[in-house]
């Protein structure tokens, strides 16, 4: 990078590697859409279980694992069946969930998934406060807004 030749070589090398990776991503877009569906299903599953735990007191580790796996499989299947719709729905949902969870790390009130799992392993039912429901409301509003946008 200290000479003109080195700078040009780095730029050309970066363009070549970037173009090669871009080509593979373009050719395997179905894989990316499938992964997006699985990840979106996982996030939806963890959210559904958190709601079941908070509203119904259903404190079962196997239920959490089962719900997240089922939602992940359904999300992956739907991603291959309806790729455009699932891409929009998943990216809106994942972004809204990440936004809401980011705020929960600053202001607390929404237990992390690892804390929920640890509590369930120790036969402790996690406690949810009114702040949890505010976070769920933020998630729903953000998801609806990003879907509309």
N, C-alpha and C. Protein backbone atom coordinates (compact mmCIF):
# COMPACT_ATOMS: atom_id res chain seq x y z
N UNK A 1 0.81 -1.20 0.00
CA UNK A 1 0.00 0.00 0.00
C UNK A 1 0.85 1.26 0.00
N UNK A 2 2.17 1.10 0.08
CA UNK A 2 3.05 2.27 0.11
C UNK A 2 3.39 2.79 -1.28
N UNK A 3 3.13 1.99 -2.30
CA UNK A 3 3.44 2.42 -3.66
C UNK A 3 2.16 2.42 -4.50
N UNK A 4 2.24 3.08 -5.63
CA UNK A 4 1.10 3.11 -6.54
C UNK A 4 0.77 1.72 -7.04
N UNK A 5 1.78 0.93 -7.35
CA UNK A 5 1.55 -0.44 -7.83
C UNK A 5 0.88 -1.30 -6.76
N UNK A 6 1.29 -1.15 -5.51
CA UNK A 6 0.68 -1.91 -4.42
C UNK A 6 -0.77 -1.52 -4.21
N UNK A 7 -1.06 -0.21 -4.29
CA UNK A 7 -2.43 0.27 -4.14
C UNK A 7 -3.32 -0.25 -5.26
N UNK A 8 -2.83 -0.17 -6.50
CA UNK A 8 -3.60 -0.67 -7.65
C UNK A 8 -3.81 -2.18 -7.52
N UNK A 9 -2.78 -2.90 -7.10
CA UNK A 9 -2.90 -4.35 -6.91
C UNK A 9 -3.94 -4.70 -5.85
N UNK A 10 -3.97 -3.96 -4.74
CA UNK A 10 -4.97 -4.21 -3.69
C UNK A 10 -6.38 -3.92 -4.19
N UNK A 11 -6.54 -2.85 -4.93
CA UNK A 11 -7.86 -2.50 -5.45
C UNK A 11 -8.33 -3.55 -6.46
N UNK A 12 -7.45 -3.95 -7.38
CA UNK A 12 -7.81 -4.96 -8.37
C UNK A 12 -8.10 -6.31 -7.71
N UNK A 13 -7.28 -6.68 -6.74
CA UNK A 13 -7.51 -7.93 -6.01
C UNK A 13 -8.83 -7.91 -5.27
N UNK A 14 -9.16 -6.78 -4.63
CA UNK A 14 -10.43 -6.65 -3.93
C UNK A 14 -11.60 -6.72 -4.88
N UNK A 15 -11.48 -6.08 -6.03
CA UNK A 15 -12.54 -6.15 -7.04
C UNK A 15 -12.73 -7.59 -7.55
N UNK A 16 -11.64 -8.30 -7.75
CA UNK A 16 -11.73 -9.69 -8.24
C UNK A 16 -12.39 -10.58 -7.20
N UNK A 17 -11.96 -10.49 -5.95
CA UNK A 17 -12.54 -11.32 -4.90
C UNK A 17 -14.00 -10.94 -4.68
N UNK A 18 -14.31 -9.65 -4.64
CA UNK A 18 -15.68 -9.20 -4.47
C UNK A 18 -16.59 -9.65 -5.61
N UNK A 19 -16.08 -9.60 -6.83
CA UNK A 19 -16.86 -10.05 -7.99
C UNK A 19 -17.11 -11.54 -7.93
N UNK A 20 -16.10 -12.30 -7.52
CA UNK A 20 -16.25 -13.75 -7.41
C UNK A 20 -17.28 -14.10 -6.34
N UNK A 21 -17.21 -13.48 -5.20
CA UNK A 21 -18.18 -13.73 -4.14
C UNK A 21 -19.58 -13.28 -4.58
N UNK A 22 -19.67 -12.14 -5.23
CA UNK A 22 -20.95 -11.67 -5.74
C UNK A 22 -21.56 -12.64 -6.74
N UNK A 23 -20.74 -13.23 -7.59
CA UNK A 23 -21.23 -14.20 -8.56
C UNK A 23 -21.80 -15.43 -7.85
N UNK A 24 -21.07 -15.93 -6.84
CA UNK A 24 -21.56 -17.10 -6.11
C UNK A 24 -22.84 -16.80 -5.34
N UNK A 25 -22.93 -15.63 -4.76
CA UNK A 25 -24.16 -15.25 -4.05
C UNK A 25 -25.31 -15.16 -5.05
N UNK A 26 -25.06 -14.59 -6.21
CA UNK A 26 -26.10 -14.49 -7.24
C UNK A 26 -26.56 -15.87 -7.70
N UNK A 27 -25.61 -16.79 -7.88
CA UNK A 27 -25.96 -18.12 -8.35
C UNK A 27 -26.63 -18.97 -7.28
N UNK A 28 -26.41 -18.66 -6.01
CA UNK A 28 -26.96 -19.46 -4.92
C UNK A 28 -27.93 -18.65 -4.07
N UNK A 29 -28.68 -17.77 -4.71
CA UNK A 29 -29.62 -16.91 -3.98
C UNK A 29 -30.66 -17.74 -3.24
N UNK A 30 -31.02 -18.89 -3.79
CA UNK A 30 -32.01 -19.77 -3.15
C UNK A 30 -31.54 -20.21 -1.78
N UNK A 31 -30.22 -20.42 -1.63
CA UNK A 31 -29.68 -20.82 -0.33
C UNK A 31 -29.83 -19.68 0.68
N UNK A 32 -29.54 -18.46 0.24
CA UNK A 32 -29.70 -17.31 1.12
C UNK A 32 -31.14 -17.09 1.54
N UNK A 33 -32.05 -17.26 0.61
CA UNK A 33 -33.48 -17.10 0.92
C UNK A 33 -33.92 -18.19 1.89
N UNK A 34 -33.44 -19.41 1.69
CA UNK A 34 -33.78 -20.50 2.61
C UNK A 34 -33.26 -20.25 4.01
N UNK A 35 -32.02 -19.80 4.12
CA UNK A 35 -31.45 -19.48 5.43
C UNK A 35 -32.22 -18.34 6.08
N UNK A 36 -32.61 -17.36 5.29
CA UNK A 36 -33.40 -16.25 5.81
C UNK A 36 -34.74 -16.75 6.37
N UNK A 37 -35.37 -17.68 5.67
CA UNK A 37 -36.63 -18.24 6.16
C UNK A 37 -36.44 -19.01 7.46
N UNK A 38 -35.36 -19.79 7.55
CA UNK A 38 -35.08 -20.56 8.77
C UNK A 38 -34.81 -19.62 9.94
N UNK A 39 -33.98 -18.61 9.73
CA UNK A 39 -33.65 -17.66 10.81
C UNK A 39 -34.90 -16.87 11.21
N UNK A 40 -35.67 -16.43 10.23
CA UNK A 40 -36.92 -15.73 10.56
C UNK A 40 -37.87 -16.60 11.35
N UNK A 41 -37.96 -17.89 10.99
CA UNK A 41 -38.79 -18.82 11.73
C UNK A 41 -38.29 -19.02 13.15
N UNK A 42 -36.97 -19.07 13.30
CA UNK A 42 -36.39 -19.21 14.64
C UNK A 42 -36.77 -18.03 15.53
N UNK A 43 -36.59 -16.81 15.01
CA UNK A 43 -36.94 -15.63 15.80
C UNK A 43 -38.43 -15.60 16.14
N UNK A 44 -39.26 -15.99 15.19
CA UNK A 44 -40.69 -16.04 15.46
C UNK A 44 -40.99 -17.09 16.53
N UNK A 45 -40.33 -18.23 16.47
CA UNK A 45 -40.52 -19.28 17.47
C UNK A 45 -40.12 -18.84 18.86
N UNK A 46 -38.97 -18.15 18.98
CA UNK A 46 -38.56 -17.67 20.31
C UNK A 46 -39.53 -16.62 20.83
N UNK A 47 -40.04 -15.79 19.95
CA UNK A 47 -41.01 -14.78 20.37
C UNK A 47 -42.32 -15.44 20.80
N UNK A 48 -42.79 -16.42 20.04
CA UNK A 48 -44.03 -17.12 20.41
C UNK A 48 -43.87 -17.84 21.75
N UNK A 49 -42.72 -18.47 21.95
CA UNK A 49 -42.53 -19.15 23.23
C UNK A 49 -42.46 -18.15 24.38
N UNK A 50 -41.78 -17.04 24.17
CA UNK A 50 -41.72 -16.02 25.22
C UNK A 50 -43.12 -15.54 25.59
N UNK A 51 -43.97 -15.35 24.59
CA UNK A 51 -45.35 -14.94 24.86
C UNK A 51 -46.11 -16.04 25.60
N UNK A 52 -45.93 -17.30 25.19
CA UNK A 52 -46.60 -18.41 25.88
C UNK A 52 -46.12 -18.51 27.32
N UNK A 53 -44.85 -18.27 27.53
CA UNK A 53 -44.30 -18.31 28.88
C UNK A 53 -44.84 -17.18 29.73
N UNK A 54 -44.91 -15.99 29.16
CA UNK A 54 -45.38 -14.82 29.91
C UNK A 54 -46.88 -14.87 30.17
N UNK A 55 -47.65 -15.25 29.17
CA UNK A 55 -49.12 -15.21 29.30
C UNK A 55 -49.69 -16.46 29.98
N UNK A 56 -49.11 -17.62 29.67
CA UNK A 56 -49.68 -18.88 30.15
C UNK A 56 -48.84 -19.53 31.25
N UNK A 57 -47.62 -19.03 31.45
CA UNK A 57 -46.75 -19.64 32.44
C UNK A 57 -46.22 -21.01 32.03
N UNK A 58 -46.18 -21.28 30.72
CA UNK A 58 -45.76 -22.57 30.19
C UNK A 58 -44.24 -22.67 30.23
N UNK A 59 -43.70 -23.07 31.37
CA UNK A 59 -42.25 -23.11 31.55
C UNK A 59 -41.72 -24.51 31.28
N UNK A 60 -41.39 -24.76 30.03
CA UNK A 60 -40.90 -26.06 29.61
C UNK A 60 -39.80 -25.87 28.57
N UNK A 61 -38.61 -26.40 28.88
CA UNK A 61 -37.49 -26.27 27.96
C UNK A 61 -37.77 -27.03 26.66
N UNK A 62 -38.35 -28.22 26.75
CA UNK A 62 -38.62 -28.99 25.54
C UNK A 62 -39.61 -28.25 24.64
N UNK A 63 -40.56 -27.54 25.25
CA UNK A 63 -41.53 -26.78 24.45
C UNK A 63 -40.83 -25.64 23.71
N UNK A 64 -39.90 -24.99 24.38
CA UNK A 64 -39.16 -23.90 23.72
C UNK A 64 -38.38 -24.43 22.53
N UNK A 65 -37.68 -25.54 22.74
CA UNK A 65 -36.88 -26.13 21.66
C UNK A 65 -37.80 -26.59 20.52
N UNK A 66 -38.88 -27.25 20.87
CA UNK A 66 -39.81 -27.76 19.86
C UNK A 66 -40.44 -26.63 19.05
N UNK A 67 -40.88 -25.58 19.71
CA UNK A 67 -41.52 -24.46 19.01
C UNK A 67 -40.53 -23.78 18.08
N UNK A 68 -39.30 -23.55 18.54
CA UNK A 68 -38.33 -22.88 17.68
C UNK A 68 -37.93 -23.75 16.50
N UNK A 69 -37.81 -25.06 16.70
CA UNK A 69 -37.46 -25.95 15.58
C UNK A 69 -38.59 -26.01 14.57
N UNK A 70 -39.82 -26.17 15.05
CA UNK A 70 -40.97 -26.23 14.14
C UNK A 70 -41.10 -24.94 13.34
N UNK A 71 -40.98 -23.80 14.02
CA UNK A 71 -41.09 -22.51 13.30
C UNK A 71 -39.94 -22.34 12.31
N UNK A 72 -38.74 -22.81 12.66
CA UNK A 72 -37.61 -22.71 11.74
C UNK A 72 -37.84 -23.56 10.49
N UNK A 73 -38.33 -24.77 10.67
CA UNK A 73 -38.59 -25.65 9.52
C UNK A 73 -39.69 -25.06 8.64
N UNK A 74 -40.76 -24.58 9.27
CA UNK A 74 -41.85 -23.96 8.50
C UNK A 74 -41.35 -22.73 7.75
N UNK A 75 -40.52 -21.90 8.43
CA UNK A 75 -39.97 -20.72 7.77
C UNK A 75 -39.10 -21.09 6.58
N UNK A 76 -38.28 -22.14 6.71
CA UNK A 76 -37.45 -22.59 5.60
C UNK A 76 -38.29 -23.11 4.44
N UNK A 77 -39.32 -23.88 4.75
CA UNK A 77 -40.21 -24.40 3.70
C UNK A 77 -40.91 -23.26 2.97
N UNK A 78 -41.47 -22.33 3.75
CA UNK A 78 -42.19 -21.21 3.13
C UNK A 78 -41.26 -20.32 2.30
N UNK A 79 -39.99 -20.24 2.71
CA UNK A 79 -39.03 -19.44 1.95
C UNK A 79 -38.82 -20.00 0.56
N UNK A 80 -38.82 -21.31 0.42
CA UNK A 80 -38.67 -21.91 -0.90
C UNK A 80 -39.97 -21.87 -1.69
N UNK A 81 -41.09 -21.89 -0.98
CA UNK A 81 -42.40 -21.87 -1.64
C UNK A 81 -42.79 -20.45 -2.09
N UNK A 82 -42.54 -19.45 -1.23
CA UNK A 82 -42.89 -18.05 -1.51
C UNK A 82 -41.68 -17.15 -1.23
N UNK A 83 -40.65 -17.21 -2.05
CA UNK A 83 -39.39 -16.52 -1.72
C UNK A 83 -39.51 -15.00 -1.57
N UNK A 84 -40.26 -14.34 -2.44
CA UNK A 84 -40.34 -12.88 -2.35
C UNK A 84 -41.09 -12.43 -1.10
N UNK A 85 -42.20 -13.05 -0.82
CA UNK A 85 -42.99 -12.67 0.35
C UNK A 85 -42.24 -12.96 1.64
N UNK A 86 -41.63 -14.13 1.73
CA UNK A 86 -40.92 -14.50 2.95
C UNK A 86 -39.69 -13.62 3.15
N UNK A 87 -39.05 -13.21 2.07
CA UNK A 87 -37.90 -12.31 2.20
C UNK A 87 -38.33 -11.00 2.84
N UNK A 88 -39.42 -10.44 2.40
CA UNK A 88 -39.91 -9.18 2.98
C UNK A 88 -40.37 -9.38 4.42
N UNK A 89 -41.15 -10.43 4.66
CA UNK A 89 -41.67 -10.68 6.00
C UNK A 89 -40.53 -10.99 6.98
N UNK A 90 -39.58 -11.83 6.57
CA UNK A 90 -38.48 -12.21 7.45
C UNK A 90 -37.55 -11.05 7.76
N UNK A 91 -37.17 -10.29 6.73
CA UNK A 91 -36.26 -9.18 7.00
C UNK A 91 -36.93 -8.12 7.87
N UNK A 92 -38.22 -7.89 7.66
CA UNK A 92 -38.94 -6.94 8.51
C UNK A 92 -39.02 -7.45 9.94
N UNK A 93 -39.32 -8.73 10.10
CA UNK A 93 -39.44 -9.31 11.43
C UNK A 93 -38.12 -9.39 12.16
N UNK A 94 -37.07 -9.85 11.47
CA UNK A 94 -35.76 -9.96 12.12
C UNK A 94 -35.24 -8.59 12.50
N UNK A 95 -35.39 -7.62 11.61
CA UNK A 95 -34.94 -6.26 11.92
C UNK A 95 -35.70 -5.66 13.09
N UNK A 96 -37.01 -5.86 13.12
CA UNK A 96 -37.82 -5.33 14.22
C UNK A 96 -37.47 -6.01 15.53
N UNK A 97 -37.26 -7.33 15.49
CA UNK A 97 -36.89 -8.07 16.69
C UNK A 97 -35.53 -7.59 17.20
N UNK A 98 -34.56 -7.45 16.30
CA UNK A 98 -33.22 -6.98 16.70
C UNK A 98 -33.29 -5.57 17.27
N UNK A 99 -34.10 -4.71 16.67
CA UNK A 99 -34.27 -3.35 17.18
C UNK A 99 -34.84 -3.36 18.60
N UNK A 100 -35.91 -4.14 18.79
CA UNK A 100 -36.55 -4.22 20.10
C UNK A 100 -35.61 -4.84 21.13
N UNK A 101 -34.91 -5.91 20.77
CA UNK A 101 -34.01 -6.57 21.71
C UNK A 101 -32.83 -5.67 22.05
N UNK A 102 -32.39 -4.87 21.10
CA UNK A 102 -31.32 -3.93 21.39
C UNK A 102 -31.71 -2.95 22.48
N UNK A 103 -32.91 -2.43 22.40
CA UNK A 103 -33.40 -1.52 23.44
C UNK A 103 -33.53 -2.24 24.78
N UNK A 104 -33.90 -3.52 24.73
CA UNK A 104 -34.08 -4.26 25.98
C UNK A 104 -32.75 -4.48 26.71
N UNK A 105 -31.65 -4.47 26.00
CA UNK A 105 -30.36 -4.60 26.67
C UNK A 105 -29.99 -3.32 27.40
N UNK A 106 -30.46 -2.18 26.92
CA UNK A 106 -30.20 -0.92 27.60
C UNK A 106 -31.13 -0.71 28.79
N UNK A 107 -32.42 -0.98 28.59
CA UNK A 107 -33.42 -0.65 29.60
C UNK A 107 -33.95 -1.85 30.38
N UNK A 108 -33.53 -3.04 30.03
CA UNK A 108 -33.88 -4.28 30.73
C UNK A 108 -35.38 -4.55 30.69
N UNK A 109 -35.81 -5.63 31.30
CA UNK A 109 -37.22 -5.97 31.34
C UNK A 109 -37.63 -7.08 30.39
N UNK A 110 -36.74 -7.50 29.49
CA UNK A 110 -37.02 -8.60 28.57
C UNK A 110 -35.89 -9.60 28.77
N UNK A 111 -36.16 -10.75 29.39
CA UNK A 111 -35.07 -11.69 29.68
C UNK A 111 -34.49 -12.26 28.39
N UNK A 112 -33.18 -12.46 28.40
CA UNK A 112 -32.52 -13.03 27.23
C UNK A 112 -32.89 -14.50 27.09
N UNK A 113 -32.74 -15.01 25.88
CA UNK A 113 -33.06 -16.41 25.63
C UNK A 113 -32.17 -17.31 26.47
N UNK A 114 -30.91 -16.95 26.64
CA UNK A 114 -30.01 -17.77 27.45
C UNK A 114 -30.45 -17.78 28.91
N UNK A 115 -30.95 -16.65 29.41
CA UNK A 115 -31.45 -16.60 30.78
C UNK A 115 -32.72 -17.44 30.93
N UNK A 116 -33.59 -17.40 29.95
CA UNK A 116 -34.81 -18.21 29.98
C UNK A 116 -34.44 -19.69 30.00
N UNK A 117 -33.50 -20.10 29.15
CA UNK A 117 -33.08 -21.51 29.11
C UNK A 117 -32.47 -21.92 30.44
N UNK A 118 -31.61 -21.07 31.00
CA UNK A 118 -30.98 -21.39 32.29
C UNK A 118 -32.03 -21.53 33.39
N UNK A 119 -33.01 -20.62 33.42
CA UNK A 119 -34.08 -20.71 34.41
C UNK A 119 -34.89 -21.99 34.24
N UNK A 120 -35.20 -22.34 32.99
CA UNK A 120 -35.98 -23.54 32.73
C UNK A 120 -35.22 -24.80 33.14
N UNK A 121 -33.91 -24.82 32.91
CA UNK A 121 -33.10 -25.96 33.33
C UNK A 121 -33.14 -26.13 34.85
N UNK A 122 -33.22 -25.02 35.57
CA UNK A 122 -33.23 -25.04 37.03
C UNK A 122 -34.64 -25.05 37.61
N UNK A 123 -35.63 -25.32 36.76
CA UNK A 123 -37.04 -25.38 37.18
C UNK A 123 -37.53 -24.08 37.82
N UNK A 124 -37.05 -22.97 37.28
CA UNK A 124 -37.49 -21.65 37.73
C UNK A 124 -38.30 -21.03 36.62
N UNK A 125 -39.47 -20.50 36.94
CA UNK A 125 -40.29 -19.81 35.94
C UNK A 125 -39.84 -18.35 35.88
N UNK A 126 -39.36 -17.91 34.72
CA UNK A 126 -38.94 -16.50 34.60
C UNK A 126 -40.11 -15.55 34.86
N UNK A 127 -39.81 -14.42 35.47
CA UNK A 127 -40.84 -13.44 35.77
C UNK A 127 -40.82 -12.34 34.71
N UNK A 128 -42.00 -11.95 34.27
CA UNK A 128 -42.13 -10.91 33.26
C UNK A 128 -42.87 -9.73 33.87
N UNK A 129 -42.37 -8.53 33.60
CA UNK A 129 -43.01 -7.31 34.09
C UNK A 129 -43.78 -6.65 32.95
N UNK A 130 -44.41 -5.55 33.25
CA UNK A 130 -45.17 -4.81 32.24
C UNK A 130 -44.25 -4.32 31.12
N UNK A 131 -42.96 -4.15 31.42
CA UNK A 131 -42.02 -3.67 30.40
C UNK A 131 -41.90 -4.68 29.26
N UNK A 132 -42.00 -5.96 29.58
CA UNK A 132 -41.96 -7.01 28.55
C UNK A 132 -43.03 -6.77 27.50
N UNK A 133 -44.23 -6.44 27.94
CA UNK A 133 -45.34 -6.21 27.01
C UNK A 133 -45.15 -4.93 26.21
N UNK A 134 -44.47 -3.96 26.77
CA UNK A 134 -44.12 -2.74 26.01
C UNK A 134 -43.17 -3.12 24.88
N UNK A 135 -42.19 -3.98 25.17
CA UNK A 135 -41.26 -4.43 24.13
C UNK A 135 -41.99 -5.19 23.03
N UNK A 136 -42.94 -6.03 23.41
CA UNK A 136 -43.72 -6.77 22.42
C UNK A 136 -44.50 -5.78 21.55
N UNK A 137 -45.07 -4.74 22.17
CA UNK A 137 -45.77 -3.71 21.40
C UNK A 137 -44.85 -2.98 20.45
N UNK A 138 -43.64 -2.67 20.90
CA UNK A 138 -42.66 -2.01 20.04
C UNK A 138 -42.34 -2.91 18.85
N UNK A 139 -42.15 -4.20 19.12
CA UNK A 139 -41.86 -5.15 18.05
C UNK A 139 -42.99 -5.19 17.02
N UNK A 140 -44.22 -5.28 17.49
CA UNK A 140 -45.37 -5.38 16.58
C UNK A 140 -45.50 -4.11 15.74
N UNK A 141 -45.35 -2.96 16.36
CA UNK A 141 -45.46 -1.69 15.63
C UNK A 141 -44.33 -1.58 14.59
N UNK A 142 -43.12 -1.93 14.99
CA UNK A 142 -41.97 -1.85 14.05
C UNK A 142 -42.15 -2.85 12.91
N UNK A 143 -42.61 -4.05 13.21
CA UNK A 143 -42.78 -5.06 12.16
C UNK A 143 -43.87 -4.61 11.18
N UNK A 144 -44.99 -4.14 11.70
CA UNK A 144 -46.07 -3.67 10.82
C UNK A 144 -45.60 -2.47 9.99
N UNK A 145 -44.89 -1.56 10.63
CA UNK A 145 -44.39 -0.38 9.90
C UNK A 145 -43.39 -0.73 8.81
N UNK A 146 -42.49 -1.66 9.12
CA UNK A 146 -41.49 -2.03 8.10
C UNK A 146 -42.13 -2.88 6.99
N UNK A 147 -43.14 -3.66 7.31
CA UNK A 147 -43.85 -4.38 6.25
C UNK A 147 -44.59 -3.42 5.34
N UNK A 148 -45.21 -2.42 5.93
CA UNK A 148 -45.93 -1.43 5.13
C UNK A 148 -44.97 -0.62 4.27
N UNK A 149 -43.85 -0.21 4.85
CA UNK A 149 -42.89 0.62 4.15
C UNK A 149 -42.30 -0.14 2.98
